[in-house]
Amino acid sequence: MRFAAALALSLALPAAAHAQVQRTDDYLSRMDADGDGKVSLPEYLDWMGYAFDRMDRDRDGVLSPAEQPGGKGKPITRDAHRAQLAERFRKQDANRDGHLDARELAAPPR
């Protein structure tokens, strides 16, 4: 359940925080901080971690249940959230090149 809550958090809030993003290509261009046409793990973590940082109102590095959607769930540390995001990145990196292209960003994690 903890993973599901963190996954929902990482999927829902970046989309809300970056509401202008409409297509996969938009995500690629926004996430690709160095403009090389692909998303590295650090770029992915920075983009997807935005929601965590916005929700962590007391800036203690932990999302308490009160800081999570619906006020429910177990506390989630920033490190645990980043580890879950890194795992999702690895699952989406279908060709295992250490980067996500537009096709991999559009595909659900395996």
C-alpha atoms as a PDB file:
ATOM      1  CA  MET A   1       0.000   0.000   0.000  1.00  0.00           C
ATOM      2  CA  ARG A   2       2.844   2.383   0.793  1.00  0.00           C
ATOM      3  CA  PHE A   3       4.247   2.002  -2.728  1.00  0.00           C
ATOM      4  CA  ALA A   4       0.816   2.604  -4.227  1.00  0.00           C
ATOM      5  CA  ALA A   5       0.406   5.823  -2.263  1.00  0.00           C
ATOM      6  CA  ALA A   6       3.845   7.068  -3.278  1.00  0.00           C
ATOM      7  CA  LEU A   7       3.201   6.124  -6.891  1.00  0.00           C
ATOM      8  CA  ALA A   8      -0.117   7.969  -6.883  1.00  0.00           C
ATOM      9  CA  LEU A   9       1.600  10.963  -5.340  1.00  0.00           C
ATOM     10  CA  SER A  10       4.383  10.983  -7.909  1.00  0.00           C
ATOM     11  CA  LEU A  11       1.977  10.611 -10.810  1.00  0.00           C
ATOM     12  CA  ALA A  12      -0.789  12.965  -9.774  1.00  0.00           C
ATOM     13  CA  LEU A  13       1.004  15.950  -8.367  1.00  0.00           C
ATOM     14  CA  PRO A  14       3.638  16.603 -11.017  1.00  0.00           C
ATOM     15  CA  ALA A  15       0.846  16.677 -13.562  1.00  0.00           C
ATOM     16  CA  ALA A  16      -1.092  19.138 -11.435  1.00  0.00           C
ATOM     17  CA  ALA A  17       1.969  21.223 -10.654  1.00  0.00           C
ATOM     18  CA  HIS A  18       2.930  21.381 -14.311  1.00  0.00           C
ATOM     19  CA  ALA A  19      -0.562  21.678 -15.757  1.00  0.00           C
ATOM     20  CA  GLN A  20       0.610  23.032 -19.106  1.00  0.00           C
ATOM     21  CA  VAL A  21       2.086  19.642 -20.016  1.00  0.00           C
ATOM     22  CA  GLN A  22      -0.324  17.956 -22.423  1.00  0.00           C
ATOM     23  CA  ARG A  23       1.633  15.370 -24.423  1.00  0.00           C
ATOM     24  CA  THR A  24       4.564  13.008 -23.915  1.00  0.00           C
ATOM     25  CA  ASP A  25       6.752  15.299 -26.005  1.00  0.00           C
ATOM     26  CA  ASP A  26       5.870  18.111 -23.592  1.00  0.00           C
ATOM     27  CA  TYR A  27       7.051  15.983 -20.680  1.00  0.00           C
ATOM     28  CA  LEU A  28      10.247  15.155 -22.513  1.00  0.00           C
ATOM     29  CA  SER A  29      11.018  18.779 -23.293  1.00  0.00           C
ATOM     30  CA  ARG A  30      10.210  19.918 -19.743  1.00  0.00           C
ATOM     31  CA  MET A  31      12.048  17.086 -17.983  1.00  0.00           C
ATOM     32  CA  ASP A  32      15.082  17.245 -20.287  1.00  0.00           C
ATOM     33  CA  ALA A  33      16.973  19.975 -18.427  1.00  0.00           C
ATOM     34  CA  ASP A  34      20.148  19.660 -20.516  1.00  0.00           C
ATOM     35  CA  GLY A  35      18.301  19.551 -23.868  1.00  0.00           C
ATOM     36  CA  ASP A  36      19.875  16.341 -25.127  1.00  0.00           C
ATOM     37  CA  GLY A  37      16.553  14.805 -26.218  1.00  0.00           C
ATOM     38  CA  LYS A  38      16.367  12.235 -23.434  1.00  0.00           C
ATOM     39  CA  VAL A  39      15.696  12.176 -19.707  1.00  0.00           C
ATOM     40  CA  SER A  40      18.396  11.005 -17.307  1.00  0.00           C
ATOM     41  CA  LEU A  41      17.677   9.604 -13.860  1.00  0.00           C
ATOM     42  CA  PRO A  42      18.681  12.867 -12.110  1.00  0.00           C
ATOM     43  CA  GLU A  43      16.390  14.865 -14.442  1.00  0.00           C
ATOM     44  CA  TYR A  44      13.558  12.418 -13.787  1.00  0.00           C
ATOM     45  CA  LEU A  45      14.050  12.554 -10.022  1.00  0.00           C
ATOM     46  CA  ASP A  46      14.161  16.345 -10.039  1.00  0.00           C
ATOM     47  CA  TRP A  47      10.960  16.617 -12.070  1.00  0.00           C
ATOM     48  CA  MET A  48       9.021  13.932 -10.238  1.00  0.00           C
ATOM     49  CA  GLY A  49      10.300  15.053  -6.833  1.00  0.00           C
ATOM     50  CA  TYR A  50       8.689  18.449  -7.269  1.00  0.00           C
ATOM     51  CA  ALA A  51       5.408  17.181  -5.850  1.00  0.00           C
ATOM     52  CA  PHE A  52       7.065  15.806  -2.739  1.00  0.00           C
ATOM     53  CA  ASP A  53       8.762  19.116  -2.040  1.00  0.00           C
ATOM     54  CA  ARG A  54       5.520  21.069  -2.480  1.00  0.00           C
ATOM     55  CA  MET A  55       3.616  18.761  -0.157  1.00  0.00           C
ATOM     56  CA  ASP A  56       6.299  18.672   2.564  1.00  0.00           C
ATOM     57  CA  ARG A  57       4.932  21.802   4.224  1.00  0.00           C
ATOM     58  CA  ASP A  58       7.117  21.576   7.326  1.00  0.00           C
ATOM     59  CA  ARG A  59      10.228  20.829   5.219  1.00  0.00           C
ATOM     60  CA  ASP A  60      11.295  17.928   7.406  1.00  0.00           C
ATOM     61  CA  GLY A  61      11.916  15.509   4.508  1.00  0.00           C
ATOM     62  CA  VAL A  62       8.969  13.318   5.464  1.00  0.00           C
ATOM     63  CA  LEU A  63       5.417  13.408   4.173  1.00  0.00           C
ATOM     64  CA  SER A  64       3.238  12.800   7.185  1.00  0.00           C
ATOM     65  CA  PRO A  65      -0.269  11.460   6.642  1.00  0.00           C
ATOM     66  CA  ALA A  66      -1.621  15.009   7.062  1.00  0.00           C
ATOM     67  CA  GLU A  67       0.586  16.188   4.170  1.00  0.00           C
ATOM     68  CA  GLN A  68      -0.571  13.414   1.809  1.00  0.00           C
ATOM     69  CA  PRO A  69      -3.657  13.427  -0.428  1.00  0.00           C
ATOM     70  CA  GLY A  70      -6.696  12.522   1.633  1.00  0.00           C
ATOM     71  CA  GLY A  71      -4.719  12.876   4.860  1.00  0.00           C
ATOM     72  CA  LYS A  72      -4.018   9.146   4.848  1.00  0.00           C
ATOM     73  CA  GLY A  73      -1.087   6.838   4.449  1.00  0.00           C
ATOM     74  CA  LYS A  74       2.125   5.985   6.203  1.00  0.00           C
ATOM     75  CA  PRO A  75       4.874   8.568   6.441  1.00  0.00           C
ATOM     76  CA  ILE A  76       7.075   8.643   3.348  1.00  0.00           C
ATOM     77  CA  THR A  77      10.628   9.952   3.478  1.00  0.00           C
ATOM     78  CA  ARG A  78      12.155  11.880   0.583  1.00  0.00           C
ATOM     79  CA  ASP A  79      14.789   9.153   0.217  1.00  0.00           C
ATOM     80  CA  ALA A  80      12.154   6.399   0.069  1.00  0.00           C
ATOM     81  CA  HIS A  81      10.146   8.393  -2.458  1.00  0.00           C
ATOM     82  CA  ARG A  82      13.246   8.940  -4.621  1.00  0.00           C
ATOM     83  CA  ALA A  83      14.095   5.226  -4.409  1.00  0.00           C
ATOM     84  CA  GLN A  84      10.602   4.350  -5.644  1.00  0.00           C
ATOM     85  CA  LEU A  85      10.920   6.858  -8.471  1.00  0.00           C
ATOM     86  CA  ALA A  86      14.316   5.411  -9.426  1.00  0.00           C
ATOM     87  CA  GLU A  87      12.807   1.935  -9.554  1.00  0.00           C
ATOM     88  CA  ARG A  88      10.009   3.179 -11.791  1.00  0.00           C
ATOM     89  CA  PHE A  89      12.597   4.888 -14.020  1.00  0.00           C
ATOM     90  CA  ARG A  90      14.496   1.577 -14.349  1.00  0.00           C
ATOM     91  CA  LYS A  91      11.288  -0.223 -15.288  1.00  0.00           C
ATOM     92  CA  GLN A  92      10.463   2.386 -17.943  1.00  0.00           C
ATOM     93  CA  ASP A  93      13.981   2.316 -19.402  1.00  0.00           C
ATOM     94  CA  ALA A  94      13.102  -0.483 -21.821  1.00  0.00           C
ATOM     95  CA  ASN A  95      16.386  -0.431 -23.742  1.00  0.00           C
ATOM     96  CA  ARG A  96      18.438  -0.120 -20.531  1.00  0.00           C
ATOM     97  CA  ASP A  97      20.500   2.813 -21.796  1.00  0.00           C
ATOM     98  CA  GLY A  98      20.078   4.825 -18.597  1.00  0.00           C
ATOM     99  CA  HIS A  99      17.802   7.416 -20.230  1.00  0.00           C
ATOM    100  CA  LEU A 100      14.138   7.718 -21.135  1.00  0.00           C
ATOM    101  CA  ASP A 101      13.091   8.842 -24.583  1.00  0.00           C
ATOM    102  CA  ALA A 102       9.594  10.008 -25.531  1.00  0.00           C
ATOM    103  CA  ARG A 103       8.447   6.455 -26.290  1.00  0.00           C
ATOM    104  CA  GLU A 104       9.654   5.150 -22.932  1.00  0.00           C
ATOM    105  CA  LEU A 105       8.068   8.086 -21.090  1.00  0.00           C
ATOM    106  CA  ALA A 106       4.732   7.280 -22.726  1.00  0.00           C
ATOM    107  CA  ALA A 107       4.863   3.594 -21.830  1.00  0.00           C
ATOM    108  CA  PRO A 108       3.714   2.379 -18.424  1.00  0.00           C
ATOM    109  CA  PRO A 109       6.454   0.869 -16.228  1.00  0.00           C
ATOM    110  CA  ARG A 110       6.855  -2.868 -16.701  1.00  0.00           C
END
